[in-house]
Amino acid sequence: MIIDTADLDPTSAYKLLIGSVLPRAIAWVSTASPTGVGNIAPISFFTVVGRFPPILSISLQPRSDGVTLKDTFVNIRDTNEFVVNIATIGQADEVHRSAFEFGTDVDEFEALGLEKAPSEVISAPRIAGAPISFECVVDRIIPMPPLPDHVVWGRVKRIHVRDDLYLERGRIDVGALGVFGRLAAEYTMVNNIFTTPLPVPLVAELGALRAGRLDGHPSDYSPIDSAEWSPSGSTKTAVQ
């Protein structure tokens, strides 16, 4: 199959990207409006783009209607601040529910039952319980087609690391972190570590395996086929 991207609409392109660039790290972004209303959103168009100073990048699409700017982006634009929190497997359900579209006047910390933790140098709150959090100020905002998509670069001012994860020589105990990533519209655990080369028989065995499901759904299930999914990263049905 060869696909000419000129023939794709934004939704089709999005499906191919999120199903191919795997696994994707999840930025669990917390912000506050100028009036102090808290917002939380998982962003998996997320990576590191600079190291000195440290700069993180997140890309934000509009809400599921394809037009309305997400509260996360509006808050970042209006306050020039945000926090990238790293979530663990114990927070996976809260991460998933934070993708639901709430009203702009709803404090999502309260709606999701999550505790705010104060930041050191910015007003946006951290998510208490997140093992790692990056306090960011806006470095630049880049409009991207099709508008109103935007890329935000955040200059990291403070890094919060849970004490037991911070090892000698300033490194993170990645094996103890318990992170998970995004696979298309679903998730995957990061539960093994290796360096290469691996034994050839093991590589052959692993290469022939289909990823097993932990949730009981059929092997060909995907939320992309459901009415709640949208090519915005948001879930259209409001959380109960």
Protein backbone atom coordinates (compact mmCIF):
# COMPACT_ATOMS: atom_id res chain seq x y z
CA MET A 1 0.00 0.00 0.00
CA ILE A 2 1.40 3.37 -1.04
CA ILE A 3 -0.53 6.41 0.15
CA ASP A 4 -0.24 9.84 -1.43
CA THR A 5 -0.74 12.31 1.41
CA ALA A 6 -2.21 14.80 -1.07
CA ASP A 7 -5.23 12.49 -1.24
CA LEU A 8 -5.83 12.48 2.53
CA ASP A 9 -8.16 14.63 4.58
CA PRO A 10 -7.02 15.66 8.09
CA THR A 11 -8.89 12.82 9.82
CA SER A 12 -7.40 10.15 7.54
CA ALA A 13 -3.90 11.56 7.95
CA TYR A 14 -4.35 11.65 11.73
CA LYS A 15 -5.42 7.99 11.85
CA LEU A 16 -2.37 6.91 9.87
CA LEU A 17 0.02 8.97 12.00
CA ILE A 18 -1.27 7.83 15.38
CA GLY A 19 -1.31 4.21 14.23
CA SER A 20 2.25 4.31 12.93
CA VAL A 21 4.31 6.51 15.27
CA LEU A 22 4.36 4.15 18.24
CA PRO A 23 4.48 4.21 21.17
CA ARG A 24 3.99 7.90 21.85
CA ALA A 25 4.84 9.48 25.17
CA ILE A 26 1.94 11.22 26.93
CA ALA A 27 2.23 14.76 28.26
CA TRP A 28 -0.40 15.09 30.99
CA VAL A 29 -0.72 18.86 30.74
CA SER A 30 -2.13 20.97 33.55
CA THR A 31 -3.00 24.63 33.11
CA ALA A 32 -5.11 27.32 34.75
CA SER A 33 -7.22 30.00 33.15
CA PRO A 34 -6.52 33.65 33.99
CA THR A 35 -9.32 33.36 36.58
CA GLY A 36 -7.85 30.21 38.11
CA VAL A 37 -10.02 27.45 36.60
CA GLY A 38 -7.90 24.30 36.39
CA ASN A 39 -7.64 22.25 33.22
CA ILE A 40 -6.02 18.89 32.49
CA ALA A 41 -5.46 17.19 29.14
CA PRO A 42 -3.39 14.28 27.80
CA ILE A 43 -1.31 15.27 24.77
CA SER A 44 0.50 12.54 22.83
CA PHE A 45 1.87 14.77 20.08
CA PHE A 46 4.68 15.45 22.56
CA THR A 47 8.47 15.37 22.53
CA VAL A 48 11.71 17.05 23.58
CA VAL A 49 13.05 19.67 21.16
CA GLY A 50 15.86 21.30 23.13
CA ARG A 51 18.24 20.43 25.96
CA PHE A 52 19.94 23.69 26.97
CA PRO A 53 17.67 25.28 27.88
CA PRO A 54 15.37 22.25 28.15
CA ILE A 55 12.40 22.72 25.81
CA LEU A 56 9.37 20.47 25.42
CA SER A 57 6.94 20.51 22.50
CA ILE A 58 3.22 19.74 22.48
CA SER A 59 0.83 19.93 19.53
CA LEU A 60 -2.82 20.78 20.09
CA GLN A 61 -5.75 20.24 17.77
CA PRO A 62 -9.13 21.97 18.27
CA ARG A 63 -12.04 20.35 20.08
CA SER A 64 -14.00 17.56 18.42
CA ASP A 65 -16.08 20.11 16.48
CA GLY A 66 -12.92 20.91 14.52
CA VAL A 67 -13.21 24.63 15.21
CA THR A 68 -13.25 25.52 18.92
CA LEU A 69 -9.86 25.94 20.56
CA LYS A 70 -9.20 23.59 23.44
CA ASP A 71 -9.11 25.11 26.92
CA THR A 72 -5.54 23.83 27.31
CA PHE A 73 -4.38 25.91 24.36
CA VAL A 74 -6.39 28.98 25.36
CA ASN A 75 -4.96 28.84 28.88
CA ILE A 76 -1.40 28.48 27.58
CA ARG A 77 -1.91 31.33 25.12
CA ASP A 78 -3.44 33.62 27.74
CA THR A 79 -1.09 32.85 30.67
CA ASN A 80 2.14 31.75 28.91
CA GLU A 81 2.44 28.87 31.39
CA PHE A 82 1.76 25.15 31.63
CA VAL A 83 2.95 22.02 33.40
CA VAL A 84 3.85 18.76 31.68
CA ASN A 85 3.20 15.94 34.14
CA ILE A 86 4.36 12.37 33.51
CA ALA A 87 1.73 9.80 34.49
CA THR A 88 2.17 6.25 35.76
CA ILE A 89 0.04 3.17 35.12
CA GLY A 90 -1.81 3.78 38.39
CA GLN A 91 -3.11 7.05 36.91
CA ALA A 92 -4.10 5.62 33.51
CA ASP A 93 -7.85 5.93 34.07
CA GLU A 94 -7.54 9.54 35.18
CA VAL A 95 -5.38 10.26 32.13
CA HIS A 96 -8.01 8.72 29.86
CA ARG A 97 -10.90 10.58 31.51
CA SER A 98 -9.04 13.87 31.26
CA ALA A 99 -9.47 13.66 27.47
CA PHE A 100 -13.24 14.12 27.82
CA GLU A 101 -14.54 17.54 26.85
CA PHE A 102 -15.67 19.55 29.85
CA GLY A 103 -17.20 23.00 29.90
CA THR A 104 -14.75 25.87 30.07
CA ASP A 105 -16.06 26.84 33.51
CA VAL A 106 -15.44 23.35 34.98
CA ASP A 107 -12.35 22.88 37.12
CA GLU A 108 -11.12 19.53 35.83
CA PHE A 109 -9.06 18.79 38.94
CA GLU A 110 -12.32 18.74 40.87
CA ALA A 111 -14.24 16.90 38.14
CA LEU A 112 -11.61 14.16 37.97
CA GLY A 113 -10.95 13.99 41.70
CA LEU A 114 -7.31 15.01 41.33
CA GLU A 115 -5.35 17.11 43.79
CA LYS A 116 -3.53 20.27 42.80
CA ALA A 117 0.07 20.76 43.84
CA PRO A 118 1.68 24.21 43.74
CA SER A 119 4.38 25.00 41.22
CA GLU A 120 7.53 26.84 42.22
CA VAL A 121 7.80 29.64 39.64
CA ILE A 122 4.54 29.60 37.64
CA SER A 123 0.91 29.85 38.64
CA ALA A 124 -0.33 26.76 36.78
CA PRO A 125 -0.75 23.86 39.23
CA ARG A 126 0.98 20.52 39.02
CA ILE A 127 -0.92 17.24 39.37
CA ALA A 128 -0.22 15.89 42.84
CA GLY A 129 0.95 12.29 42.61
CA ALA A 130 2.63 12.69 39.23
CA PRO A 131 6.15 11.29 39.69
CA ILE A 132 7.72 13.89 37.37
CA SER A 133 6.48 17.37 36.45
CA PHE A 134 8.00 20.08 34.27
CA GLU A 135 7.07 23.71 34.94
CA CYS A 136 7.09 25.44 31.55
CA VAL A 137 6.80 28.95 30.20
CA VAL A 138 5.95 29.53 26.55
CA ASP A 139 8.96 29.77 24.28
CA ARG A 140 6.94 30.03 21.06
CA ILE A 141 3.57 29.14 19.57
CA ILE A 142 3.56 27.93 15.97
CA PRO A 143 0.29 27.86 13.98
CA MET A 144 0.02 24.67 11.93
CA PRO A 145 -2.27 23.72 9.06
CA PRO A 146 -5.07 22.93 9.15
CA LEU A 147 -5.81 25.83 11.47
CA PRO A 148 -6.59 25.99 14.31
CA ASP A 149 -3.85 23.42 15.10
CA HIS A 150 -0.88 24.79 17.04
CA VAL A 151 2.53 23.63 18.23
CA VAL A 152 3.64 25.01 21.60
CA TRP A 153 7.24 25.00 22.75
CA GLY A 154 7.67 25.26 26.50
CA ARG A 155 10.92 26.30 28.16
CA VAL A 156 11.33 24.20 31.30
CA LYS A 157 11.99 26.31 34.41
CA ARG A 158 11.67 23.69 37.16
CA ILE A 159 11.64 19.88 37.18
CA HIS A 160 9.96 18.02 40.03
CA VAL A 161 11.13 14.40 40.46
CA ARG A 162 9.88 12.02 43.13
CA ASP A 163 12.81 11.42 45.47
CA ASP A 164 13.02 7.64 45.01
CA LEU A 165 13.28 8.05 41.23
CA TYR A 166 16.25 10.43 41.29
CA LEU A 167 19.47 8.41 41.19
CA GLU A 168 23.15 9.17 41.37
CA ARG A 169 24.67 11.23 38.56
CA GLY A 170 21.29 12.90 37.98
CA ARG A 171 19.49 10.13 36.16
CA ILE A 172 15.96 8.74 36.46
CA ASP A 173 15.24 5.19 37.62
CA VAL A 174 13.25 4.40 34.48
CA GLY A 175 12.57 0.82 35.51
CA ALA A 176 10.67 1.99 38.58
CA LEU A 177 8.70 4.75 36.87
CA GLY A 178 5.79 2.62 35.61
CA VAL A 179 4.98 4.76 32.57
CA PHE A 180 2.68 3.89 29.69
CA GLY A 181 2.35 5.20 26.17
CA ARG A 182 -0.17 5.81 23.42
CA LEU A 183 -0.93 3.34 20.62
CA ALA A 184 -3.29 5.00 18.13
CA ALA A 185 -6.31 5.69 20.39
CA GLU A 186 -5.25 3.15 23.03
CA TYR A 187 -2.42 2.61 25.48
CA THR A 188 0.52 0.32 26.14
CA MET A 189 2.58 -0.39 29.23
CA VAL A 190 6.31 0.13 29.23
CA ASN A 191 7.10 -3.02 31.19
CA ASN A 192 10.39 -4.35 29.86
CA ILE A 193 13.85 -2.97 29.24
CA PHE A 194 16.67 -4.24 27.03
CA THR A 195 19.79 -3.30 25.17
CA THR A 196 20.82 -4.84 21.87
CA PRO A 197 21.69 -7.32 20.60
CA LEU A 198 19.01 -9.71 21.84
CA PRO A 199 19.32 -13.45 21.19
CA VAL A 200 18.20 -14.24 17.64
CA PRO A 201 15.60 -16.84 18.69
CA LEU A 202 14.05 -14.37 21.12
CA VAL A 203 13.87 -11.66 18.44
CA ALA A 204 12.13 -14.10 16.10
CA GLU A 205 9.69 -15.13 18.83
CA LEU A 206 8.86 -11.56 19.82
CA GLY A 207 8.55 -10.41 16.21
CA ALA A 208 5.85 -12.99 15.55
CA LEU A 209 3.75 -12.05 18.56
CA ARG A 210 0.61 -9.93 18.43
CA ALA A 211 0.30 -7.55 21.37
CA GLY A 212 -2.01 -9.03 23.99
CA ARG A 213 -4.95 -7.06 25.32
CA LEU A 214 -5.30 -6.40 29.05
CA ASP A 215 -8.89 -5.10 28.93
CA GLY A 216 -10.83 -8.09 27.59
CA HIS A 217 -11.76 -6.51 24.25
CA PRO A 218 -11.47 -8.56 21.03
CA SER A 219 -8.05 -8.48 19.38
CA ASP A 220 -9.30 -6.26 16.53
CA TYR A 221 -11.04 -3.70 18.78
CA SER A 222 -10.16 -0.01 18.52
CA PRO A 223 -11.81 3.08 20.04
CA ILE A 224 -11.26 4.73 16.66
CA ASP A 225 -14.29 2.78 15.43
CA SER A 226 -16.53 4.18 18.19
CA ALA A 227 -18.80 7.22 18.04
CA GLU A 228 -16.95 8.85 20.95
CA TRP A 229 -13.59 9.06 19.16
CA SER A 230 -12.62 12.27 17.39
CA PRO A 231 -9.52 13.27 15.39
CA SER A 232 -8.72 15.92 17.98
CA GLY A 233 -7.41 13.76 20.80
CA SER A 234 -10.54 14.63 22.77
CA THR A 235 -13.38 12.27 23.64
CA LYS A 236 -16.76 13.67 22.69
CA THR A 237 -18.98 12.10 25.38
CA ALA A 238 -18.80 13.98 28.67
CA VAL A 239 -17.42 12.01 31.61
CA GLN A 240 -20.01 11.03 34.19
